[in-house]
């Protein structure tokens, strides 16, 4: 089975109608991939190493969107 990139996975899931929050974490950040991922609906695009508060902020954003934007 061919390996699927994170961007390909996100695109495939969105095409199938899945709206789950998606946070990219990568050790190889490329600006073109970052832009495409965010355009495709990723919540955050984190490059390693990143700090705990940045991840927590992304998780809060993801949860708020999952809850319909209320954050509650």
Protein backbone atom coordinates (compact mmCIF):
# COMPACT_ATOMS: atom_id res chain seq x y z
CA UNK A 1 0.00 0.00 0.00
CA UNK A 2 1.42 3.44 -0.89
CA UNK A 3 2.32 5.82 1.93
CA UNK A 4 0.08 8.87 2.23
CA UNK A 5 1.41 12.24 3.37
CA UNK A 6 -0.39 14.23 6.03
CA UNK A 7 -1.54 16.72 3.42
CA UNK A 8 -2.89 13.92 1.23
CA UNK A 9 -4.69 12.45 4.24
CA UNK A 10 -6.28 15.80 5.11
CA UNK A 11 -7.37 16.35 1.51
CA UNK A 12 -8.80 12.81 1.31
CA UNK A 13 -10.71 13.17 4.60
CA UNK A 14 -12.17 16.53 3.57
CA UNK A 15 -13.21 15.09 0.18
CA UNK A 16 -15.04 12.32 2.05
CA UNK A 17 -16.92 14.91 4.13
CA UNK A 18 -15.04 14.49 7.40
CA UNK A 19 -14.74 17.75 9.31
CA UNK A 20 -12.67 16.62 12.27
CA UNK A 21 -10.03 19.08 13.52
CA UNK A 22 -6.61 18.41 12.03
CA UNK A 23 -3.31 19.58 13.55
CA UNK A 24 -0.12 19.08 11.54
CA UNK A 25 3.09 18.33 13.44
CA UNK A 26 6.23 18.06 11.34
CA UNK A 27 9.99 18.01 11.60
CA UNK A 28 10.30 19.22 8.00
CA UNK A 29 8.31 22.45 7.67
CA UNK A 30 7.93 23.84 4.19
CA UNK A 31 6.06 27.08 3.66
CA UNK A 32 4.27 25.75 0.57
CA UNK A 33 2.99 22.71 2.50
CA UNK A 34 2.02 24.90 5.47
CA UNK A 35 -0.02 27.19 3.22
CA UNK A 36 -1.75 24.27 1.49
CA UNK A 37 -2.50 22.53 4.80
CA UNK A 38 -4.06 25.62 6.34
CA UNK A 39 -6.05 26.29 3.15
CA UNK A 40 -7.31 22.68 3.27
CA UNK A 41 -8.59 23.27 6.80
CA UNK A 42 -5.82 22.34 9.22
CA UNK A 43 -6.18 24.05 12.60
CA UNK A 44 -2.43 24.51 13.13
CA UNK A 45 0.84 23.63 11.46
CA UNK A 46 3.48 23.01 14.14
CA UNK A 47 7.16 22.57 13.38
CA UNK A 48 9.28 20.59 15.80
CA UNK A 49 10.46 21.57 18.27
CA UNK A 50 7.48 23.47 19.60
CA UNK A 51 6.55 24.44 23.14
CA UNK A 52 3.74 23.13 25.28
CA UNK A 53 1.70 26.35 25.33
CA UNK A 54 1.65 26.43 21.52
CA UNK A 55 0.28 22.88 21.37
CA UNK A 56 -2.27 23.64 24.09
CA UNK A 57 -3.42 26.70 22.15
CA UNK A 58 -3.90 24.58 19.02
CA UNK A 59 -5.85 21.99 21.01
CA UNK A 60 -8.11 24.69 22.46
CA UNK A 61 -8.75 26.02 18.95
CA UNK A 62 -9.52 22.51 17.70
CA UNK A 63 -11.93 21.84 20.55
CA UNK A 64 -13.66 25.19 20.05
CA UNK A 65 -14.22 24.42 16.38
CA UNK A 66 -15.41 20.90 17.20
CA UNK A 67 -17.94 22.43 19.63
CA UNK A 68 -19.24 24.78 16.97
CA UNK A 69 -17.03 27.69 17.92
CA UNK A 70 -18.23 28.10 21.49
CA UNK A 71 -15.09 26.77 23.17
CA UNK A 72 -17.30 25.42 25.95
